[in-house]
Amino acid sequence: RAYKLLVQTEHRTLRPLEGPLAVSIRWYRGRRAGDLDNRAKVTLDALNGVAFLDDSQIVELHMWRAEDKTNPRVEVTVEAA
């Protein structure tokens, strides 16, 4: 819930995209913990209503995991498919 609120607050000026979408997610984790598939669900749920109207619009999804102890982050690209 806290992550979703943070995403919605940080990106409140975005207008949700319509139509079929392609999403790319790069997860740079700060420590060796966490599953890629769980991170996808949390990230997409947080972007629901922010970057797109509903996650059912996603027709293409790419995701990568990397390590970055000094700057853990999630980078997301959403574009028309």
PDB file of N, CA and C in Angstrom:
ATOM      1  N   ARG A   1       0.818  -1.201   0.000  1.00  0.00           N
ATOM      2  CA  ARG A   1       0.000   0.000   0.000  1.00  0.00           C
ATOM      3  C   ARG A   1       0.858   1.260   0.000  1.00  0.00           C
ATOM      4  N   ALA A   2       1.913   1.222   0.803  1.00  0.00           N
ATOM      5  CA  ALA A   2       2.799   2.388   0.889  1.00  0.00           C
ATOM      6  C   ALA A   2       3.495   2.640  -0.453  1.00  0.00           C
ATOM      7  N   TYR A   3       3.938   1.569  -1.112  1.00  0.00           N
ATOM      8  CA  TYR A   3       4.609   1.703  -2.410  1.00  0.00           C
ATOM      9  C   TYR A   3       3.647   2.272  -3.448  1.00  0.00           C
ATOM     10  N   LYS A   4       2.433   1.765  -3.466  1.00  0.00           N
ATOM     11  CA  LYS A   4       1.432   2.250  -4.411  1.00  0.00           C
ATOM     12  C   LYS A   4       1.151   3.733  -4.186  1.00  0.00           C
ATOM     13  N   LEU A   5       1.003   4.138  -2.944  1.00  0.00           N
ATOM     14  CA  LEU A   5       0.766   5.548  -2.621  1.00  0.00           C
ATOM     15  C   LEU A   5       1.950   6.409  -3.050  1.00  0.00           C
ATOM     16  N   LEU A   6       3.153   5.931  -2.826  1.00  0.00           N
ATOM     17  CA  LEU A   6       4.359   6.662  -3.235  1.00  0.00           C
ATOM     18  C   LEU A   6       4.374   6.863  -4.751  1.00  0.00           C
ATOM     19  N   VAL A   7       4.111   5.805  -5.515  1.00  0.00           N
ATOM     20  CA  VAL A   7       4.092   5.897  -6.983  1.00  0.00           C
ATOM     21  C   VAL A   7       3.021   6.882  -7.433  1.00  0.00           C
ATOM     22  N   GLN A   8       1.836   6.772  -6.867  1.00  0.00           N
ATOM     23  CA  GLN A   8       0.745   7.660  -7.263  1.00  0.00           C
ATOM     24  C   GLN A   8       1.046   9.119  -6.915  1.00  0.00           C
ATOM     25  N   THR A   9       1.680   9.354  -5.791  1.00  0.00           N
ATOM     26  CA  THR A   9       2.033  10.712  -5.372  1.00  0.00           C
ATOM     27  C   THR A   9       3.130  11.293  -6.259  1.00  0.00           C
ATOM     28  N   GLU A  10       4.160  10.497  -6.525  1.00  0.00           N
ATOM     29  CA  GLU A  10       5.293  10.958  -7.331  1.00  0.00           C
ATOM     30  C   GLU A  10       4.898  11.241  -8.779  1.00  0.00           C
ATOM     31  N   HIS A  11       3.887  10.555  -9.275  1.00  0.00           N
ATOM     32  CA  HIS A  11       3.524  10.668 -10.695  1.00  0.00           C
ATOM     33  C   HIS A  11       2.095  11.179 -10.888  1.00  0.00           C
ATOM     34  N   ARG A  12       1.638  12.004  -9.982  1.00  0.00           N
ATOM     35  CA  ARG A  12       0.255  12.477 -10.029  1.00  0.00           C
ATOM     36  C   ARG A  12      -0.044  13.360 -11.235  1.00  0.00           C
ATOM     37  N   THR A  13       0.981  13.881 -11.916  1.00  0.00           N
ATOM     38  CA  THR A  13       0.749  14.746 -13.073  1.00  0.00           C
ATOM     39  C   THR A  13       0.607  13.949 -14.373  1.00  0.00           C
ATOM     40  N   LEU A  14       0.852  12.642 -14.328  1.00  0.00           N
ATOM     41  CA  LEU A  14       0.714  11.819 -15.533  1.00  0.00           C
ATOM     42  C   LEU A  14      -0.753  11.645 -15.901  1.00  0.00           C
ATOM     43  N   ARG A  15      -1.000  11.515 -17.193  1.00  0.00           N
ATOM     44  CA  ARG A  15      -2.326  11.136 -17.671  1.00  0.00           C
ATOM     45  C   ARG A  15      -2.238   9.685 -18.114  1.00  0.00           C
ATOM     46  N   PRO A  16      -3.114   8.836 -17.630  1.00  0.00           N
ATOM     47  CA  PRO A  16      -3.051   7.417 -18.009  1.00  0.00           C
ATOM     48  C   PRO A  16      -3.213   7.227 -19.518  1.00  0.00           C
ATOM     49  N   LEU A  17      -2.381   6.351 -20.074  1.00  0.00           N
ATOM     50  CA  LEU A  17      -2.455   6.033 -21.495  1.00  0.00           C
ATOM     51  C   LEU A  17      -3.624   5.104 -21.768  1.00  0.00           C
ATOM     52  N   GLU A  18      -4.127   5.174 -22.984  1.00  0.00           N
ATOM     53  CA  GLU A  18      -5.223   4.303 -23.402  1.00  0.00           C
ATOM     54  C   GLU A  18      -4.721   3.352 -24.472  1.00  0.00           C
ATOM     55  N   GLY A  19      -5.475   2.293 -24.725  1.00  0.00           N
ATOM     56  CA  GLY A  19      -5.158   1.341 -25.777  1.00  0.00           C
ATOM     57  C   GLY A  19      -4.137   0.310 -25.334  1.00  0.00           C
ATOM     58  N   PRO A  20      -3.753  -0.588 -26.259  1.00  0.00           N
ATOM     59  CA  PRO A  20      -2.785  -1.641 -25.940  1.00  0.00           C
ATOM     60  C   PRO A  20      -1.402  -1.055 -25.664  1.00  0.00           C
ATOM     61  N   LEU A  21      -0.739  -1.599 -24.640  1.00  0.00           N
ATOM     62  CA  LEU A  21       0.537  -1.046 -24.194  1.00  0.00           C
ATOM     63  C   LEU A  21       1.625  -2.103 -24.062  1.00  0.00           C
ATOM     64  N   ALA A  22       2.868  -1.646 -24.244  1.00  0.00           N
ATOM     65  CA  ALA A  22       4.064  -2.456 -23.987  1.00  0.00           C
ATOM     66  C   ALA A  22       4.757  -1.833 -22.774  1.00  0.00           C
ATOM     67  N   VAL A  23       5.137  -2.666 -21.813  1.00  0.00           N
ATOM     68  CA  VAL A  23       5.768  -2.188 -20.584  1.00  0.00           C
ATOM     69  C   VAL A  23       7.114  -2.875 -20.406  1.00  0.00           C
ATOM     70  N   SER A  24       8.124  -2.088 -20.093  1.00  0.00           N
ATOM     71  CA  SER A  24       9.453  -2.607 -19.751  1.00  0.00           C
ATOM     72  C   SER A  24       9.775  -2.158 -18.338  1.00  0.00           C
ATOM     73  N   ILE A  25      10.239  -3.102 -17.513  1.00  0.00           N
ATOM     74  CA  ILE A  25      10.574  -2.805 -16.122  1.00  0.00           C
ATOM     75  C   ILE A  25      11.997  -3.279 -15.856  1.00  0.00           C
ATOM     76  N   ARG A  26      12.817  -2.395 -15.357  1.00  0.00           N
ATOM     77  CA  ARG A  26      14.179  -2.743 -14.915  1.00  0.00           C
ATOM     78  C   ARG A  26      14.238  -2.529 -13.412  1.00  0.00           C
ATOM     79  N   TRP A  27      14.468  -3.619 -12.691  1.00  0.00           N
ATOM     80  CA  TRP A  27      14.509  -3.582 -11.232  1.00  0.00           C
ATOM     81  C   TRP A  27      15.947  -3.731 -10.781  1.00  0.00           C
ATOM     82  N   TYR A  28      16.480  -2.684 -10.196  1.00  0.00           N
ATOM     83  CA  TYR A  28      17.835  -2.686  -9.656  1.00  0.00           C
ATOM     84  C   TYR A  28      17.707  -2.845  -8.145  1.00  0.00           C
ATOM     85  N   ARG A  29      17.967  -4.027  -7.648  1.00  0.00           N
ATOM     86  CA  ARG A  29      17.762  -4.281  -6.223  1.00  0.00           C
ATOM     87  C   ARG A  29      19.016  -3.980  -5.421  1.00  0.00           C
ATOM     88  N   GLY A  30      18.796  -3.554  -4.185  1.00  0.00           N
ATOM     89  CA  GLY A  30      19.892  -3.176  -3.309  1.00  0.00           C
ATOM     90  C   GLY A  30      20.541  -4.341  -2.598  1.00  0.00           C
ATOM     91  N   ARG A  31      19.821  -5.450  -2.536  1.00  0.00           N
ATOM     92  CA  ARG A  31      20.382  -6.669  -1.936  1.00  0.00           C
ATOM     93  C   ARG A  31      19.778  -7.876  -2.640  1.00  0.00           C
ATOM     94  N   ARG A  32      20.402  -8.996  -2.500  1.00  0.00           N
ATOM     95  CA  ARG A  32      19.961 -10.206  -3.193  1.00  0.00           C
ATOM     96  C   ARG A  32      18.760 -10.833  -2.487  1.00  0.00           C
ATOM     97  N   ALA A  33      17.627 -10.234  -2.687  1.00  0.00           N
ATOM     98  CA  ALA A  33      16.387 -10.740  -2.113  1.00  0.00           C
ATOM     99  C   ALA A  33      15.228 -10.294  -2.997  1.00  0.00           C
ATOM    100  N   GLY A  34      14.226 -11.116  -3.079  1.00  0.00           N
ATOM    101  CA  GLY A  34      13.033 -10.759  -3.838  1.00  0.00           C
ATOM    102  C   GLY A  34      12.961 -11.445  -5.182  1.00  0.00           C
ATOM    103  N   ASP A  35      11.743 -11.802  -5.549  1.00  0.00           N
ATOM    104  CA  ASP A  35      11.482 -12.481  -6.813  1.00  0.00           C
ATOM    105  C   ASP A  35      11.045 -11.496  -7.877  1.00  0.00           C
ATOM    106  N   LEU A  36      11.492 -11.736  -9.077  1.00  0.00           N
ATOM    107  CA  LEU A  36      11.159 -10.874 -10.202  1.00  0.00           C
ATOM    108  C   LEU A  36       9.652 -10.851 -10.459  1.00  0.00           C
ATOM    109  N   ASP A  37       8.995 -12.010 -10.412  1.00  0.00           N
ATOM    110  CA  ASP A  37       7.565 -12.047 -10.711  1.00  0.00           C
ATOM    111  C   ASP A  37       6.732 -11.296  -9.667  1.00  0.00           C
ATOM    112  N   ASN A  38       7.154 -11.349  -8.406  1.00  0.00           N
ATOM    113  CA  ASN A  38       6.433 -10.595  -7.375  1.00  0.00           C
ATOM    114  C   ASN A  38       6.605  -9.093  -7.570  1.00  0.00           C
ATOM    115  N   ARG A  39       7.782  -8.675  -7.972  1.00  0.00           N
ATOM    116  CA  ARG A  39       8.048  -7.251  -8.206  1.00  0.00           C
ATOM    117  C   ARG A  39       7.211  -6.743  -9.381  1.00  0.00           C
ATOM    118  N   ALA A  40       7.013  -7.568 -10.394  1.00  0.00           N
ATOM    119  CA  ALA A  40       6.191  -7.172 -11.542  1.00  0.00           C
ATOM    120  C   ALA A  40       4.772  -6.853 -11.087  1.00  0.00           C
ATOM    121  N   LYS A  41       4.196  -7.723 -10.299  1.00  0.00           N
ATOM    122  CA  LYS A  41       2.818  -7.546  -9.830  1.00  0.00           C
ATOM    123  C   LYS A  41       2.678  -6.248  -9.024  1.00  0.00           C
ATOM    124  N   VAL A  42       3.582  -6.030  -8.088  1.00  0.00           N
ATOM    125  CA  VAL A  42       3.531  -4.834  -7.242  1.00  0.00           C
ATOM    126  C   VAL A  42       3.683  -3.566  -8.090  1.00  0.00           C
ATOM    127  N   THR A  43       4.629  -3.585  -9.017  1.00  0.00           N
ATOM    128  CA  THR A  43       4.880  -2.410  -9.847  1.00  0.00           C
ATOM    129  C   THR A  43       3.690  -2.099 -10.737  1.00  0.00           C
ATOM    130  N   LEU A  44       3.145  -3.104 -11.399  1.00  0.00           N
ATOM    131  CA  LEU A  44       2.008  -2.884 -12.293  1.00  0.00           C
ATOM    132  C   LEU A  44       0.768  -2.439 -11.515  1.00  0.00           C
ATOM    133  N   ASP A  45       0.545  -3.021 -10.351  1.00  0.00           N
ATOM    134  CA  ASP A  45      -0.586  -2.589  -9.525  1.00  0.00           C
ATOM    135  C   ASP A  45      -0.445  -1.127  -9.117  1.00  0.00           C
ATOM    136  N   ALA A  46       0.777  -0.707  -8.794  1.00  0.00           N
ATOM    137  CA  ALA A  46       1.019   0.681  -8.388  1.00  0.00           C
ATOM    138  C   ALA A  46       0.791   1.656  -9.543  1.00  0.00           C
ATOM    139  N   LEU A  47       1.051   1.212 -10.772  1.00  0.00           N
ATOM    140  CA  LEU A  47       0.901   2.083 -11.940  1.00  0.00           C
ATOM    141  C   LEU A  47      -0.522   2.097 -12.488  1.00  0.00           C
ATOM    142  N   ASN A  48      -1.353   1.196 -11.990  1.00  0.00           N
ATOM    143  CA  ASN A  48      -2.742   1.101 -12.426  1.00  0.00           C
ATOM    144  C   ASN A  48      -3.468   2.408 -12.097  1.00  0.00           C
ATOM    145  N   GLY A  49      -4.034   3.062 -13.108  1.00  0.00           N
ATOM    146  CA  GLY A  49      -4.697   4.335 -12.912  1.00  0.00           C
ATOM    147  C   GLY A  49      -3.756   5.522 -12.945  1.00  0.00           C
ATOM    148  N   VAL A  50      -2.449   5.257 -13.029  1.00  0.00           N
ATOM    149  CA  VAL A  50      -1.444   6.321 -13.079  1.00  0.00           C
ATOM    150  C   VAL A  50      -0.833   6.392 -14.478  1.00  0.00           C
ATOM    151  N   ALA A  51      -0.207   5.309 -14.919  1.00  0.00           N
ATOM    152  CA  ALA A  51       0.433   5.259 -16.234  1.00  0.00           C
ATOM    153  C   ALA A  51      -0.513   4.694 -17.295  1.00  0.00           C
ATOM    154  N   PHE A  52      -1.478   3.907 -16.856  1.00  0.00           N
ATOM    155  CA  PHE A  52      -2.485   3.322 -17.748  1.00  0.00           C
ATOM    156  C   PHE A  52      -3.777   3.195 -16.978  1.00  0.00           C
ATOM    157  N   LEU A  53      -4.878   3.047 -17.717  1.00  0.00           N
ATOM    158  CA  LEU A  53      -6.185   2.972 -17.066  1.00  0.00           C
ATOM    159  C   LEU A  53      -6.353   1.665 -16.296  1.00  0.00           C
ATOM    160  N   ASP A  54      -5.893   0.563 -16.883  1.00  0.00           N
ATOM    161  CA  ASP A  54      -6.016  -0.750 -16.254  1.00  0.00           C
ATOM    162  C   ASP A  54      -4.920  -1.654 -16.797  1.00  0.00           C
ATOM    163  N   ASP A  55      -4.404  -2.543 -15.953  1.00  0.00           N
ATOM    164  CA  ASP A  55      -3.306  -3.403 -16.407  1.00  0.00           C
ATOM    165  C   ASP A  55      -3.737  -4.430 -17.457  1.00  0.00           C
ATOM    166  N   SER A  56      -5.033  -4.526 -17.723  1.00  0.00           N
ATOM    167  CA  SER A  56      -5.499  -5.397 -18.812  1.00  0.00           C
ATOM    168  C   SER A  56      -5.095  -4.840 -20.178  1.00  0.00           C
ATOM    169  N   GLN A  57      -4.652  -3.582 -20.237  1.00  0.00           N
ATOM    170  CA  GLN A  57      -4.190  -2.969 -21.480  1.00  0.00           C
ATOM    171  C   GLN A  57      -2.813  -3.491 -21.896  1.00  0.00           C
ATOM    172  N   ILE A  58      -2.087  -4.093 -20.982  1.00  0.00           N
ATOM    173  CA  ILE A  58      -0.725  -4.536 -21.261  1.00  0.00           C
ATOM    174  C   ILE A  58      -0.753  -5.800 -22.103  1.00  0.00           C
ATOM    175  N   VAL A  59      -0.197  -5.688 -23.314  1.00  0.00           N
ATOM    176  CA  VAL A  59      -0.143  -6.832 -24.229  1.00  0.00           C
ATOM    177  C   VAL A  59       1.284  -7.342 -24.398  1.00  0.00           C
ATOM    178  N   GLU A  60       2.241  -6.591 -23.874  1.00  0.00           N
ATOM    179  CA  GLU A  60       3.653  -6.972 -23.969  1.00  0.00           C
ATOM    180  C   GLU A  60       4.351  -6.522 -22.687  1.00  0.00           C
ATOM    181  N   LEU A  61       5.124  -7.428 -22.076  1.00  0.00           N
ATOM    182  CA  LEU A  61       5.795  -7.123 -20.817  1.00  0.00           C
ATOM    183  C   LEU A  61       7.196  -7.696 -20.840  1.00  0.00           C
ATOM    184  N   HIS A  62       8.183  -6.837 -20.570  1.00  0.00           N
ATOM    185  CA  HIS A  62       9.590  -7.246 -20.478  1.00  0.00           C
ATOM    186  C   HIS A  62      10.103  -6.807 -19.110  1.00  0.00           C
ATOM    187  N   MET A  63      10.894  -7.665 -18.473  1.00  0.00           N
ATOM    188  CA  MET A  63      11.394  -7.329 -17.150  1.00  0.00           C
ATOM    189  C   MET A  63      12.794  -7.873 -16.957  1.00  0.00           C
ATOM    190  N   TRP A  64      13.644  -7.054 -16.319  1.00  0.00           N
ATOM    191  CA  TRP A  64      15.027  -7.426 -16.024  1.00  0.00           C
ATOM    192  C   TRP A  64      15.315  -7.133 -14.558  1.00  0.00           C
ATOM    193  N   ARG A  65      16.224  -7.915 -13.996  1.00  0.00           N
ATOM    194  CA  ARG A  65      16.683  -7.692 -12.627  1.00  0.00           C
ATOM    195  C   ARG A  65      18.187  -7.510 -12.651  1.00  0.00           C
ATOM    196  N   ALA A  66      18.665  -6.546 -11.876  1.00  0.00           N
ATOM    197  CA  ALA A  66      20.100  -6.301 -11.754  1.00  0.00           C
ATOM    198  C   ALA A  66      20.385  -5.897 -10.316  1.00  0.00           C
ATOM    199  N   GLU A  67      21.660  -5.845  -9.976  1.00  0.00           N
ATOM    200  CA  GLU A  67      22.070  -5.457  -8.631  1.00  0.00           C
ATOM    201  C   GLU A  67      22.646  -4.035  -8.667  1.00  0.00           C
ATOM    202  N   ASP A  68      22.264  -3.213  -7.702  1.00  0.00           N
ATOM    203  CA  ASP A  68      22.850  -1.891  -7.546  1.00  0.00           C
ATOM    204  C   ASP A  68      22.684  -1.492  -6.080  1.00  0.00           C
ATOM    205  N   LYS A  69      23.660  -1.849  -5.270  1.00  0.00           N
ATOM    206  CA  LYS A  69      23.594  -1.597  -3.830  1.00  0.00           C
ATOM    207  C   LYS A  69      23.557  -0.109  -3.497  1.00  0.00           C
ATOM    208  N   THR A  70      24.190   0.711  -4.323  1.00  0.00           N
ATOM    209  CA  THR A  70      24.264   2.144  -4.027  1.00  0.00           C
ATOM    210  C   THR A  70      23.048   2.930  -4.506  1.00  0.00           C
ATOM    211  N   ASN A  71      22.300   2.392  -5.474  1.00  0.00           N
ATOM    212  CA  ASN A  71      21.158   3.122  -6.012  1.00  0.00           C
ATOM    213  C   ASN A  71      20.039   2.161  -6.426  1.00  0.00           C
ATOM    214  N   PRO A  72      19.415   1.460  -5.469  1.00  0.00           N
ATOM    215  CA  PRO A  72      18.326   0.569  -5.836  1.00  0.00           C
ATOM    216  C   PRO A  72      17.147   1.381  -6.380  1.00  0.00           C
ATOM    217  N   ARG A  73      16.507   0.837  -7.411  1.00  0.00           N
ATOM    218  CA  ARG A  73      15.422   1.588  -8.049  1.00  0.00           C
ATOM    219  C   ARG A  73      14.637   0.693  -8.995  1.00  0.00           C
ATOM    220  N   VAL A  74      13.535   1.218  -9.470  1.00  0.00           N
ATOM    221  CA  VAL A  74      12.737   0.567 -10.499  1.00  0.00           C
ATOM    222  C   VAL A  74      12.574   1.573 -11.619  1.00  0.00           C
ATOM    223  N   GLU A  75      12.949   1.186 -12.843  1.00  0.00           N
ATOM    224  CA  GLU A  75      12.776   2.045 -14.012  1.00  0.00           C
ATOM    225  C   GLU A  75      11.714   1.420 -14.909  1.00  0.00           C
ATOM    226  N   VAL A  76      10.713   2.200 -15.276  1.00  0.00           N
ATOM    227  CA  VAL A  76       9.578   1.682 -16.049  1.00  0.00           C
ATOM    228  C   VAL A  76       9.407   2.504 -17.312  1.00  0.00           C
ATOM    229  N   THR A  77       9.181   1.821 -18.423  1.00  0.00           N
ATOM    230  CA  THR A  77       8.828   2.459 -19.682  1.00  0.00           C
ATOM    231  C   THR A  77       7.480   1.900 -20.122  1.00  0.00           C
ATOM    232  N   VAL A  78       6.549   2.793 -20.452  1.00  0.00           N
ATOM    233  CA  VAL A  78       5.228   2.394 -20.936  1.00  0.00           C
ATOM    234  C   VAL A  78       5.017   3.091 -22.270  1.00  0.00           C
ATOM    235  N   GLU A  79       4.689   2.299 -23.300  1.00  0.00           N
ATOM    236  CA  GLU A  79       4.461   2.888 -24.627  1.00  0.00           C
ATOM    237  C   GLU A  79       3.387   2.116 -25.370  1.00  0.00           C
ATOM    238  N   ALA A  80       2.852   2.753 -26.387  1.00  0.00           N
ATOM    239  CA  ALA A  80       1.823   2.115 -27.207  1.00  0.00           C
ATOM    240  C   ALA A  80       2.391   0.851 -27.862  1.00  0.00           C
ATOM    241  N   ALA A  81       1.593  -0.181 -27.912  1.00  0.00           N
ATOM    242  CA  ALA A  81       2.047  -1.445 -28.529  1.00  0.00           C
ATOM    243  C   ALA A  81       1.591  -1.512 -29.967  1.00  0.00           C
TER     244      ALA A  81
END
